[in-house]
Amino acid sequence: MNDSLRLKSAGVPGQDQPATGPSEHEVAISLDDVSLRFGGSSTAVLDHIDLTVMKGEILVVIGPSGCGKSTMLNLVSGTLQPTSGSVTCFGSPVSGLNHNVAYMTQKDTLLPWRTALDNAAMPLELKGMARAERRARAREILDLVGVGHAAGQRPHQLSGGMRSRVSLARALLSDAAIFLMDEPFSAIDALQRVRLQQMLVDLWAATSKTMIYVTHDLEEAIALGHRVIVMGRNPGRIAVERTVPVAHPRNVALFRNTDEAHDRYSELWESLERQFDS
């Protein structure tokens, strides 16, 4: 069974027809002239950001440390509010916690007293699903992301990569329309990272989730994204925006070696290098 079908059979919310691309009509997230300053500082963390993310799009954000990538995700999640400008989600202002999103932060938020299984099952528990059913579905997703053998272990017993996979399982079991992902696979070895990247592509094909994915890895950005934006810093701003002209779903491992990927890499690397030098 391919991963897209396995995702559906494991109880991940999906749709009858495979996704074909971002919507041309429905906006999922909009940042309109957004700026952010902390504590009354005159220095902007983000400065006059205008960004639209369409429903069903995988947008990848890349840039040097300190350019506001994570801050942008925090604004979309509602854990931060802009100093000026507005953030909307499906047309409604984001004025508090955004319940349309599942957020995988750089540091996992697993509860230390819960097993991997019960951490993964939390979204189903919050919906009131019976214990036996939610644990069965969570176990299947843990198997899918490669940590089913650790279902009974607590977070302190897991490696960083295993904790990341449990966090991914928890996100997969939510019915959030939008995934916010802040370097979710940075602690995972190269081979497993490519496998999880492919799982995200297959998840998109099965569910048409909207994703905003932050990374420092340009190859990862190009392999995953419908569109890639390069952030500049001092202040944080969108410096470059490029589409990736290859349809999803992709074979992530093979796509990296195509002429299209190499061409986009060369183009974006020059832009990215300028931001690191600034």
Protein backbone atom coordinates (compact mmCIF):
# COMPACT_ATOMS: atom_id res chain seq x y z
CA MET A 1 0.00 0.00 0.00
CA ASN A 2 1.45 3.43 -0.90
CA ASP A 3 1.80 6.08 1.78
CA SER A 4 -1.14 8.16 0.50
CA LEU A 5 -3.48 5.21 0.88
CA ARG A 6 -1.96 4.26 4.21
CA LEU A 7 -2.54 7.77 5.46
CA LYS A 8 -6.22 7.53 4.54
CA SER A 9 -6.66 4.06 6.03
CA ALA A 10 -5.00 5.22 9.25
CA GLY A 11 -7.75 7.75 9.81
CA VAL A 12 -6.01 10.87 8.54
CA PRO A 13 -8.69 13.23 7.23
CA GLY A 14 -8.66 13.14 3.43
CA GLN A 15 -10.73 13.56 0.33
CA ASP A 16 -12.04 11.25 -2.38
CA GLN A 17 -9.96 12.70 -5.21
CA PRO A 18 -6.19 13.30 -5.04
CA ALA A 19 -5.05 16.89 -4.78
CA THR A 20 -3.91 18.55 -8.00
CA GLY A 21 -2.47 21.82 -6.74
CA PRO A 22 -3.16 24.97 -4.75
CA SER A 23 -6.56 26.57 -5.14
CA GLU A 24 -6.67 29.48 -7.57
CA HIS A 25 -9.59 31.02 -5.72
CA GLU A 26 -9.55 30.42 -1.95
CA VAL A 27 -7.05 32.19 0.26
CA ALA A 28 -6.00 30.25 3.37
CA ILE A 29 -3.65 32.78 4.99
CA SER A 30 -3.09 36.45 4.28
CA LEU A 31 -0.58 38.81 5.86
CA ASP A 32 -1.38 42.38 4.85
CA ASP A 33 1.32 45.01 5.47
CA VAL A 34 2.38 43.20 8.66
CA SER A 35 5.12 44.65 10.85
CA LEU A 36 6.23 43.51 14.30
CA ARG A 37 8.33 45.24 16.93
CA PHE A 38 8.93 43.84 20.39
CA GLY A 39 8.54 45.90 23.54
CA GLY A 40 8.21 49.27 21.83
CA SER A 41 11.55 48.85 20.06
CA SER A 42 12.14 50.97 16.98
CA THR A 43 13.79 47.95 15.28
CA ALA A 44 11.35 45.84 13.30
CA VAL A 45 11.50 42.04 13.56
CA LEU A 46 9.24 41.91 10.50
CA ASP A 47 8.70 44.89 8.26
CA HIS A 48 5.75 45.46 5.89
CA ILE A 49 5.16 41.81 5.01
CA ASP A 50 2.58 41.10 2.33
CA LEU A 51 1.97 37.41 1.76
CA THR A 52 -0.91 35.29 0.50
CA VAL A 53 -1.01 31.50 0.91
CA MET A 54 -3.63 29.72 -1.13
CA LYS A 55 -5.65 26.78 0.15
CA GLY A 56 -3.81 23.56 -0.67
CA GLU A 57 -0.44 25.24 -1.18
CA ILE A 58 2.88 24.11 0.27
CA LEU A 59 4.77 27.33 0.92
CA VAL A 60 8.36 26.95 2.09
CA VAL A 61 10.14 29.80 3.90
CA ILE A 62 13.93 29.93 4.00
CA GLY A 63 16.41 32.53 5.16
CA PRO A 64 19.22 33.30 7.62
CA SER A 65 18.76 33.05 11.36
CA GLY A 66 17.05 36.09 12.81
CA CYS A 67 15.07 37.00 9.70
CA GLY A 68 11.68 36.33 11.28
CA LYS A 69 10.73 32.94 9.81
CA SER A 70 9.50 31.49 13.10
CA THR A 71 7.96 34.83 14.04
CA MET A 72 5.86 34.69 10.89
CA LEU A 73 4.55 31.26 11.91
CA ASN A 74 3.77 32.60 15.38
CA LEU A 75 1.70 35.38 13.83
CA VAL A 76 -0.25 32.87 11.73
CA SER A 77 -0.82 30.66 14.78
CA GLY A 78 -2.08 33.62 16.79
CA THR A 79 0.52 33.26 19.54
CA LEU A 80 1.82 36.70 18.51
CA GLN A 81 -0.08 39.73 17.28
CA PRO A 82 1.38 42.19 14.76
CA THR A 83 2.33 45.71 15.74
CA SER A 84 0.64 46.89 12.56
CA GLY A 85 -1.12 45.27 9.63
CA SER A 86 -3.43 42.27 9.76
CA VAL A 87 -3.33 38.47 9.60
CA THR A 88 -6.38 36.57 8.34
CA CYS A 89 -7.16 32.88 8.06
CA PHE A 90 -9.86 31.84 5.59
CA GLY A 91 -11.05 35.44 5.59
CA SER A 92 -11.34 35.87 9.38
CA PRO A 93 -8.92 37.96 11.46
CA VAL A 94 -6.45 36.01 13.59
CA SER A 95 -6.97 37.78 16.91
CA GLY A 96 -6.25 34.88 19.27
CA LEU A 97 -5.13 31.29 19.00
CA ASN A 98 -5.80 30.04 15.46
CA HIS A 99 -7.66 26.74 15.78
CA ASN A 100 -7.32 26.07 12.05
CA VAL A 101 -3.63 25.21 12.42
CA ALA A 102 -1.49 22.38 13.72
CA TYR A 103 1.91 23.76 14.72
CA MET A 104 5.14 21.72 14.84
CA THR A 105 7.69 23.98 16.51
CA GLN A 106 11.47 23.58 16.50
CA LYS A 107 11.30 22.22 20.05
CA ASP A 108 8.68 19.55 20.46
CA THR A 109 5.86 20.12 22.93
CA LEU A 110 5.34 16.51 23.99
CA LEU A 111 3.99 16.09 27.51
CA PRO A 112 6.73 14.40 29.57
CA TRP A 113 4.37 12.28 31.67
CA ARG A 114 2.60 10.76 28.65
CA THR A 115 3.78 7.89 26.49
CA ALA A 116 4.47 8.43 22.80
CA LEU A 117 1.14 6.75 22.06
CA ASP A 118 -0.88 9.01 24.33
CA ASN A 119 0.98 12.12 23.14
CA ALA A 120 0.12 11.26 19.53
CA ALA A 121 -3.50 10.54 20.42
CA MET A 122 -4.09 13.91 22.13
CA PRO A 123 -6.04 15.53 19.26
CA LEU A 124 -8.45 12.59 19.23
CA GLU A 125 -8.76 12.68 23.03
CA LEU A 126 -9.65 16.38 22.91
CA LYS A 127 -12.44 15.51 20.47
CA GLY A 128 -13.84 13.01 22.97
CA MET A 129 -12.97 9.83 21.04
CA ALA A 130 -13.07 6.67 23.12
CA ARG A 131 -9.71 5.60 24.54
CA ALA A 132 -9.47 2.27 22.72
CA GLU A 133 -10.30 3.79 19.33
CA ARG A 134 -7.98 6.79 19.62
CA ARG A 135 -5.09 4.63 20.79
CA ALA A 136 -5.61 2.19 17.91
CA ARG A 137 -5.54 5.02 15.38
CA ALA A 138 -2.55 6.66 17.04
CA ARG A 139 -0.65 3.36 17.02
CA GLU A 140 -1.19 3.02 13.28
CA ILE A 141 0.14 6.52 12.64
CA LEU A 142 3.15 5.91 14.91
CA ASP A 143 3.89 2.81 12.84
CA LEU A 144 3.58 4.89 9.69
CA VAL A 145 6.18 7.44 10.85
CA GLY A 146 8.50 4.71 12.09
CA VAL A 147 8.18 4.90 15.88
CA GLY A 148 5.49 2.31 16.56
CA HIS A 149 8.05 0.26 18.47
CA ALA A 150 8.39 3.14 20.96
CA ALA A 151 4.68 3.66 21.60
CA GLY A 152 5.02 2.87 25.32
CA GLN A 153 8.04 5.10 25.93
CA ARG A 154 7.99 8.59 27.40
CA PRO A 155 9.66 11.58 25.74
CA HIS A 156 12.84 11.46 27.86
CA GLN A 157 13.42 7.93 26.56
CA LEU A 158 13.27 9.00 22.91
CA SER A 159 15.94 10.49 20.66
CA GLY A 160 15.38 13.94 19.16
CA GLY A 161 14.45 12.39 15.84
CA MET A 162 11.95 10.03 17.43
CA ARG A 163 10.35 12.90 19.34
CA SER A 164 9.98 14.79 16.07
CA ARG A 165 8.20 11.83 14.53
CA VAL A 166 5.82 11.56 17.46
CA SER A 167 5.05 15.26 17.02
CA LEU A 168 4.36 14.64 13.34
CA ALA A 169 2.03 11.76 14.22
CA ARG A 170 0.12 14.07 16.56
CA ALA A 171 -0.22 16.68 13.80
CA LEU A 172 -1.40 14.03 11.35
CA LEU A 173 -4.15 13.00 13.73
CA SER A 174 -5.52 16.53 14.03
CA ASP A 175 -8.11 17.77 11.57
CA ALA A 176 -6.38 21.14 11.21
CA ALA A 177 -6.69 22.59 7.72
CA ILE A 178 -3.23 24.19 7.89
CA PHE A 179 0.10 22.74 9.02
CA LEU A 180 2.73 25.16 10.34
CA MET A 181 6.10 23.39 10.42
CA ASP A 182 9.21 25.01 11.87
CA GLU A 183 12.23 22.89 10.86
CA PRO A 184 10.41 19.74 12.00
CA PHE A 185 13.01 17.27 10.70
CA SER A 186 16.25 19.07 11.57
CA ALA A 187 17.12 16.51 14.29
CA ILE A 188 16.59 13.48 12.05
CA ASP A 189 19.24 11.61 10.08
CA ALA A 190 19.43 12.23 6.33
CA LEU A 191 17.77 9.02 5.14
CA GLN A 192 14.85 9.22 7.54
CA ARG A 193 14.48 12.91 6.78
CA VAL A 194 13.97 12.20 3.07
CA ARG A 195 11.43 9.51 3.94
CA LEU A 196 9.49 11.93 6.14
CA GLN A 197 9.66 14.60 3.45
CA GLN A 198 8.11 12.09 1.07
CA MET A 199 5.45 11.35 3.64
CA LEU A 200 4.55 15.03 3.73
CA VAL A 201 4.20 15.07 -0.05
CA ASP A 202 2.01 11.97 0.14
CA LEU A 203 0.00 13.55 2.95
CA TRP A 204 -0.60 16.56 0.72
CA ALA A 205 -1.70 14.28 -2.13
CA ALA A 206 -4.16 12.51 0.18
CA THR A 207 -5.58 15.55 1.97
CA SER A 208 -4.66 18.79 0.15
CA LYS A 209 -3.46 20.28 3.45
CA THR A 210 -2.18 23.82 3.33
CA MET A 211 1.37 23.91 4.69
CA ILE A 212 3.80 26.65 5.64
CA TYR A 213 7.17 24.99 6.14
CA VAL A 214 10.26 26.72 7.55
CA THR A 215 13.69 25.30 6.81
CA HIS A 216 17.38 26.23 6.50
CA ASP A 217 17.85 23.53 3.83
CA LEU A 218 17.45 24.87 0.29
CA GLU A 219 17.28 21.37 -1.24
CA GLU A 220 14.44 20.53 1.13
CA ALA A 221 12.68 23.79 0.30
CA ILE A 222 12.74 23.08 -3.44
CA ALA A 223 11.82 19.42 -3.05
CA LEU A 224 8.72 20.18 -0.95
CA GLY A 225 7.40 23.55 -2.04
CA HIS A 226 4.94 24.70 -4.62
CA ARG A 227 6.49 28.06 -3.85
CA VAL A 228 9.62 29.18 -1.98
CA ILE A 229 10.16 32.57 -0.38
CA VAL A 230 13.60 33.78 0.72
CA MET A 231 13.56 36.04 3.78
CA GLY A 232 16.00 38.85 4.34
CA ARG A 233 16.88 40.32 7.73
CA ASN A 234 17.56 43.66 9.41
CA PRO A 235 14.58 44.03 9.19
CA GLY A 236 12.79 40.77 8.35
CA ARG A 237 11.24 40.99 4.91
CA ILE A 238 10.42 38.90 1.85
CA ALA A 239 13.40 39.28 -0.48
CA VAL A 240 12.60 36.76 -3.24
CA GLU A 241 9.61 34.62 -4.18
CA ARG A 242 9.75 31.78 -6.71
CA THR A 243 7.44 28.96 -7.77
CA VAL A 244 8.79 25.45 -8.30
CA PRO A 245 7.52 24.51 -11.78
CA VAL A 246 7.06 20.79 -11.21
CA ALA A 247 3.69 19.32 -10.26
CA HIS A 248 3.01 17.51 -7.01
CA PRO A 249 3.03 14.80 -5.88
CA ARG A 250 6.77 14.38 -6.43
CA ASN A 251 9.27 11.66 -5.70
CA VAL A 252 11.37 13.74 -3.30
CA ALA A 253 14.57 11.71 -3.63
CA LEU A 254 14.52 11.63 -7.43
CA PHE A 255 13.34 15.21 -7.90
CA ARG A 256 16.49 16.56 -6.24
CA ASN A 257 18.54 15.31 -9.22
CA THR A 258 16.42 16.82 -11.99
CA ASP A 259 17.41 19.77 -14.16
CA GLU A 260 14.40 21.71 -12.83
CA ALA A 261 15.57 21.30 -9.24
CA HIS A 262 19.16 22.21 -10.08
CA ASP A 263 18.09 25.33 -11.98
CA ARG A 264 15.87 26.55 -9.16
CA TYR A 265 18.59 25.75 -6.60
CA SER A 266 21.17 27.85 -8.46
CA GLU A 267 18.79 30.76 -8.77
CA LEU A 268 17.64 30.70 -5.14
CA TRP A 269 21.12 30.07 -3.76
CA GLU A 270 22.35 33.36 -5.15
CA SER A 271 19.45 35.15 -3.49
CA LEU A 272 19.95 33.30 -0.22
CA GLU A 273 23.69 33.99 -0.19
CA ARG A 274 23.03 37.72 -0.50
CA GLN A 275 20.79 37.56 2.60
CA PHE A 276 23.50 35.83 4.65
CA ASP A 277 25.99 38.51 3.60
CA SER A 278 23.65 41.35 4.55
